[in-house]
C-alpha atoms as a PDB file:
ATOM      1  CA  ASN A   1      35.035  37.878  35.505  1.00  0.00           C
ATOM      2  CA  ALA A   2      36.786  36.039  38.297  1.00  0.00           C
ATOM      3  CA  ALA A   3      37.163  38.478  40.967  1.00  0.00           C
ATOM      4  CA  ALA A   4      33.073  38.630  41.044  1.00  0.00           C
ATOM      5  CA  PHE A   5      33.159  34.877  42.185  1.00  0.00           C
ATOM      6  CA  ARG A   6      33.498  34.939  46.255  1.00  0.00           C
ATOM      7  CA  GLY A   7      35.868  32.031  47.271  1.00  0.00           C
ATOM      8  CA  ARG A   8      37.487  29.677  44.900  1.00  0.00           C
ATOM      9  CA  PRO A   9      35.773  29.055  41.401  1.00  0.00           C
ATOM     10  CA  SER A  10      35.380  25.735  40.474  1.00  0.00           C
ATOM     11  CA  PRO A  11      36.938  23.727  37.391  1.00  0.00           C
ATOM     12  CA  THR A  12      33.841  24.121  35.870  1.00  0.00           C
ATOM     13  CA  MET A  13      33.698  27.341  36.067  1.00  0.00           C
ATOM     14  CA  ILE A  14      37.137  27.746  34.946  1.00  0.00           C
ATOM     15  CA  ALA A  15      36.124  26.151  32.165  1.00  0.00           C
ATOM     16  CA  LEU A  16      33.205  27.880  31.096  1.00  0.00           C
ATOM     17  CA  LEU A  17      35.389  31.484  31.653  1.00  0.00           C
ATOM     18  CA  LEU A  18      38.263  30.341  29.211  1.00  0.00           C
ATOM     19  CA  VAL A  19      35.554  29.109  26.550  1.00  0.00           C
ATOM     20  CA  GLY A  20      32.900  31.283  26.750  1.00  0.00           C
ATOM     21  CA  THR A  21      29.512  29.596  26.796  1.00  0.00           C
ATOM     22  CA  SER A  22      29.896  27.121  25.172  1.00  0.00           C
ATOM     23  CA  VAL A  23      31.240  23.519  26.873  1.00  0.00           C
ATOM     24  CA  ALA A  24      34.448  22.226  25.105  1.00  0.00           C
ATOM     25  CA  TYR A  25      35.016  18.627  25.554  1.00  0.00           C
ATOM     26  CA  ALA A  26      38.285  16.529  25.344  1.00  0.00           C
ATOM     27  CA  PRO A  27      38.910  13.672  23.029  1.00  0.00           C
ATOM     28  CA  ALA A  28      39.408  10.154  25.308  1.00  0.00           C
ATOM     29  CA  PRO A  29      43.000   9.854  25.573  1.00  0.00           C
ATOM     30  CA  PHE A  30      45.064   7.646  23.207  1.00  0.00           C
ATOM     31  CA  ARG A  31      45.809   3.938  23.790  1.00  0.00           C
ATOM     32  CA  ALA A  32      48.152   1.964  21.970  1.00  0.00           C
ATOM     33  CA  SER A  33      46.494  -1.617  22.842  1.00  0.00           C
ATOM     34  CA  ALA A  34      43.436   0.267  20.522  1.00  0.00           C
ATOM     35  CA  LEU A  35      45.427  -0.435  17.038  1.00  0.00           C
ATOM     36  CA  GLN A  36      46.037  -3.924  18.155  1.00  0.00           C
ATOM     37  CA  PRO A  37      44.616  -6.114  15.553  1.00  0.00           C
ATOM     38  CA  LEU A  38      41.640  -8.832  16.888  1.00  0.00           C
ATOM     39  CA  ALA A  39      43.277 -11.964  17.770  1.00  0.00           C
ATOM     40  CA  ARG A  40      41.803 -14.290  15.220  1.00  0.00           C
ATOM     41  CA  PRO A  41      40.801 -17.960  16.318  1.00  0.00           C
ATOM     42  CA  PRO A  42      43.176 -21.163  15.525  1.00  0.00           C
ATOM     43  CA  PRO A  43      42.215 -22.490  11.893  1.00  0.00           C
ATOM     44  CA  PRO A  44      40.361 -25.633  12.340  1.00  0.00           C
ATOM     45  CA  SER A  45      42.667 -28.538  12.557  1.00  0.00           C
ATOM     46  CA  ARG A  46      43.014 -30.969   9.268  1.00  0.00           C
ATOM     47  CA  ALA A  47      43.636 -33.989  11.307  1.00  0.00           C
ATOM     48  CA  ALA A  48      42.098 -37.300   9.669  1.00  0.00           C
ATOM     49  CA  PRO A  49      38.625 -38.199  11.407  1.00  0.00           C
ATOM     50  CA  ARG A  50      38.366 -40.525  14.351  1.00  0.00           C
ATOM     51  CA  LEU A  51      37.504 -44.072  13.487  1.00  0.00           C
ATOM     52  CA  ALA A  52      34.874 -43.618  15.913  1.00  0.00           C
ATOM     53  CA  ASP A  53      33.121 -40.777  13.859  1.00  0.00           C
ATOM     54  CA  VAL A  54      33.141 -42.787  10.636  1.00  0.00           C
ATOM     55  CA  LEU A  55      31.508 -45.717  11.717  1.00  0.00           C
ATOM     56  CA  GLU A  56      28.373 -44.332  13.462  1.00  0.00           C
ATOM     57  CA  LYS A  57      25.039 -44.203  11.116  1.00  0.00           C
ATOM     58  CA  PRO A  58      24.567 -41.288   8.842  1.00  0.00           C
ATOM     59  CA  PRO A  59      21.226 -39.366   9.361  1.00  0.00           C
ATOM     60  CA  ASP A  60      18.081 -40.591   7.783  1.00  0.00           C
ATOM     61  CA  VAL A  61      18.111 -38.604   4.321  1.00  0.00           C
ATOM     62  CA  VAL A  62      14.323 -38.667   2.836  1.00  0.00           C
ATOM     63  CA  LEU A  63      13.851 -37.464  -0.535  1.00  0.00           C
ATOM     64  CA  ALA A  64      11.186 -35.428  -2.159  1.00  0.00           C
ATOM     65  CA  PRO A  65       8.782 -37.141  -4.137  1.00  0.00           C
ATOM     66  CA  GLN A  66       9.157 -36.780  -7.738  1.00  0.00           C
ATOM     67  CA  GLN A  67       5.534 -36.584  -8.291  1.00  0.00           C
ATOM     68  CA  PRO A  68       3.158 -35.051  -5.987  1.00  0.00           C
ATOM     69  CA  SER A  69       0.602 -37.498  -4.431  1.00  0.00           C
ATOM     70  CA  GLY A  70      -2.921 -37.262  -5.532  1.00  0.00           C
ATOM     71  CA  GLU A  71      -4.458 -34.897  -2.914  1.00  0.00           C
ATOM     72  CA  GLU A  72      -1.618 -32.469  -3.324  1.00  0.00           C
ATOM     73  CA  LEU A  73      -1.850 -32.340  -7.140  1.00  0.00           C
ATOM     74  CA  LYS A  74      -5.550 -31.351  -6.482  1.00  0.00           C
ATOM     75  CA  ASP A  75      -5.091 -28.643  -4.301  1.00  0.00           C
ATOM     76  CA  ARG A  76      -2.321 -27.116  -6.365  1.00  0.00           C
ATOM     77  CA  GLY A  77      -4.331 -26.688  -9.577  1.00  0.00           C
ATOM     78  CA  LYS A  78      -7.618 -24.967  -7.722  1.00  0.00           C
ATOM     79  CA  LYS A  79      -8.821 -22.469  -9.737  1.00  0.00           C
ATOM     80  CA  TYR A  80     -11.734 -20.030  -9.439  1.00  0.00           C
ATOM     81  CA  LYS A  81     -13.762 -18.117 -11.647  1.00  0.00           C
ATOM     82  CA  LEU A  82     -14.842 -14.618 -11.438  1.00  0.00           C
ATOM     83  CA  LEU A  83     -18.623 -14.090 -12.396  1.00  0.00           C
ATOM     84  CA  LEU A  84     -19.963 -10.553 -13.461  1.00  0.00           C
ATOM     85  CA  PHE A  85     -23.634 -10.336 -12.894  1.00  0.00           C
ATOM     86  CA  ASN A  86     -25.830  -8.021 -15.476  1.00  0.00           C
ATOM     87  CA  ASP A  87     -27.424  -4.729 -13.429  1.00  0.00           C
ATOM     88  CA  ASN A  88     -29.563  -2.488 -14.434  1.00  0.00           C
ATOM     89  CA  VAL A  89     -28.248  -0.100 -12.298  1.00  0.00           C
ATOM     90  CA  ASN A  90     -24.770   0.728 -14.379  1.00  0.00           C
ATOM     91  CA  LYS A  91     -24.279   1.581 -18.178  1.00  0.00           C
ATOM     92  CA  ARG A  92     -22.792  -0.898 -20.339  1.00  0.00           C
ATOM     93  CA  GLU A  93     -19.657   1.387 -21.118  1.00  0.00           C
ATOM     94  CA  PHE A  94     -19.113   2.311 -17.628  1.00  0.00           C
ATOM     95  CA  VAL A  95     -19.068  -1.626 -17.053  1.00  0.00           C
ATOM     96  CA  ALA A  96     -16.619  -2.258 -19.862  1.00  0.00           C
ATOM     97  CA  ARG A  97     -13.994   0.835 -18.547  1.00  0.00           C
ATOM     98  CA  VAL A  98     -14.225  -0.958 -15.026  1.00  0.00           C
ATOM     99  CA  LEU A  99     -13.247  -4.008 -16.697  1.00  0.00           C
ATOM    100  CA  VAL A 100     -10.456  -2.866 -18.538  1.00  0.00           C
ATOM    101  CA  ALA A 101      -9.551  -0.915 -15.537  1.00  0.00           C
ATOM    102  CA  THR A 102      -9.819  -3.149 -12.746  1.00  0.00           C
ATOM    103  CA  ILE A 103      -8.356  -6.513 -14.390  1.00  0.00           C
ATOM    104  CA  PRO A 104      -4.764  -6.109 -16.243  1.00  0.00           C
ATOM    105  CA  GLU A 105      -5.155  -8.427 -18.790  1.00  0.00           C
ATOM    106  CA  MET A 106      -8.458  -7.806 -19.894  1.00  0.00           C
ATOM    107  CA  THR A 107      -8.421  -5.687 -23.493  1.00  0.00           C
ATOM    108  CA  GLU A 108     -11.162  -3.306 -24.520  1.00  0.00           C
ATOM    109  CA  ALA A 109     -12.491  -5.651 -27.133  1.00  0.00           C
ATOM    110  CA  THR A 110     -12.591  -9.110 -24.316  1.00  0.00           C
ATOM    111  CA  ALA A 111     -14.339  -6.100 -21.807  1.00  0.00           C
ATOM    112  CA  TYR A 112     -16.884  -4.946 -24.430  1.00  0.00           C
ATOM    113  CA  THR A 113     -17.460  -9.227 -24.949  1.00  0.00           C
ATOM    114  CA  VAL A 114     -17.865 -10.008 -21.110  1.00  0.00           C
ATOM    115  CA  MET A 115     -20.002  -6.909 -20.762  1.00  0.00           C
ATOM    116  CA  GLN A 116     -22.305  -7.903 -23.224  1.00  0.00           C
ATOM    117  CA  LYS A 117     -22.482 -11.426 -22.941  1.00  0.00           C
ATOM    118  CA  ALA A 118     -23.582 -10.435 -18.937  1.00  0.00           C
ATOM    119  CA  HIS A 119     -26.075  -8.013 -20.111  1.00  0.00           C
ATOM    120  CA  THR A 120     -27.891 -11.218 -22.383  1.00  0.00           C
ATOM    121  CA  ALA A 121     -26.572 -14.273 -20.465  1.00  0.00           C
ATOM    122  CA  GLY A 122     -27.481 -12.541 -17.455  1.00  0.00           C
ATOM    123  CA  TYR A 123     -23.689 -13.257 -16.253  1.00  0.00           C
ATOM    124  CA  ALA A 124     -20.201 -13.667 -17.452  1.00  0.00           C
ATOM    125  CA  VAL A 125     -17.362 -15.212 -16.760  1.00  0.00           C
ATOM    126  CA  CYS A 126     -14.468 -12.522 -16.370  1.00  0.00           C
ATOM    127  CA  GLY A 127     -11.694 -14.906 -15.961  1.00  0.00           C
ATOM    128  CA  VAL A 128     -10.361 -18.019 -14.268  1.00  0.00           C
ATOM    129  CA  TRP A 129      -7.385 -17.537 -11.306  1.00  0.00           C
ATOM    130  CA  VAL A 130      -5.818 -19.119  -8.385  1.00  0.00           C
ATOM    131  CA  TYR A 131      -8.156 -17.776  -4.892  1.00  0.00           C
ATOM    132  CA  GLU A 132      -6.816 -14.936  -4.063  1.00  0.00           C
ATOM    133  CA  LEU A 133      -6.266 -12.834  -7.109  1.00  0.00           C
ATOM    134  CA  ALA A 134      -9.836 -13.662  -8.180  1.00  0.00           C
ATOM    135  CA  GLU A 135     -10.841 -12.368  -4.934  1.00  0.00           C
ATOM    136  CA  ALA A 136      -8.767  -9.253  -4.867  1.00  0.00           C
ATOM    137  CA  TYR A 137     -10.946  -8.483  -8.681  1.00  0.00           C
ATOM    138  CA  CYS A 138     -13.651  -9.367  -7.181  1.00  0.00           C
ATOM    139  CA  ASP A 139     -13.178  -6.555  -4.657  1.00  0.00           C
ATOM    140  CA  ARG A 140     -12.569  -4.017  -6.782  1.00  0.00           C
ATOM    141  CA  LEU A 141     -15.154  -4.767  -8.814  1.00  0.00           C
ATOM    142  CA  LYS A 142     -17.528  -4.357  -6.539  1.00  0.00           C
ATOM    143  CA  ASN A 143     -16.037  -1.071  -4.886  1.00  0.00           C
ATOM    144  CA  GLU A 144     -16.664   0.454  -8.414  1.00  0.00           C
ATOM    145  CA  GLY A 145     -20.512  -0.318  -7.680  1.00  0.00           C
ATOM    146  CA  LEU A 146     -20.503  -3.660 -10.096  1.00  0.00           C
ATOM    147  CA  THR A 147     -22.269  -6.966  -9.236  1.00  0.00           C
ATOM    148  CA  ALA A 148     -19.569  -9.763  -8.728  1.00  0.00           C
ATOM    149  CA  ALA A 149     -18.832 -13.321  -7.252  1.00  0.00           C
ATOM    150  CA  VAL A 150     -16.132 -15.958  -7.068  1.00  0.00           C
ATOM    151  CA  VAL A 151     -16.812 -19.479  -7.873  1.00  0.00           C
ATOM    152  CA  GLU A 152     -14.538 -22.578  -7.567  1.00  0.00           C
ATOM    153  CA  GLU A 153     -14.049 -23.658 -10.941  1.00  0.00           C
ATOM    154  CA  SER A 154     -15.683 -27.456 -11.949  1.00  0.00           C
ATOM    155  CA  ASP A 155     -13.932 -30.219 -13.730  1.00  0.00           C
ATOM    156  CA  GLU A 156     -16.787 -30.580 -16.272  1.00  0.00           C
END
């Protein structure tokens, strides 16, 4: 349909007429320089070190102490107890099931013992962990409706 154009058609219009309605893209022209390997930096020289470099004072090296200081030793070993308190709302079987589901290392027998201790004494220790883990277990127990708290373990 070149006759439908008035005047001279542009190169784009000619390309569209030849290809149809799709646009054709030509590949980039080939350059032989693209096949050349990249230049590598020269290897480091293996010359002997200069006398001035050898005579400089070496940097001070501070080694870590073999035994941690007393303060670090106390802080590193801090553990926290997870306490479960008795409540008159939840049934004992429910409390035992929640303990088993919440604390991975707790068996059914241990959960039953902890639940009985909380029922008779008013509270029971579920376990002793680092603070973050004890707090996570405490939050999960509270989400299930149980009454729990985290306290620092005493050295007694």
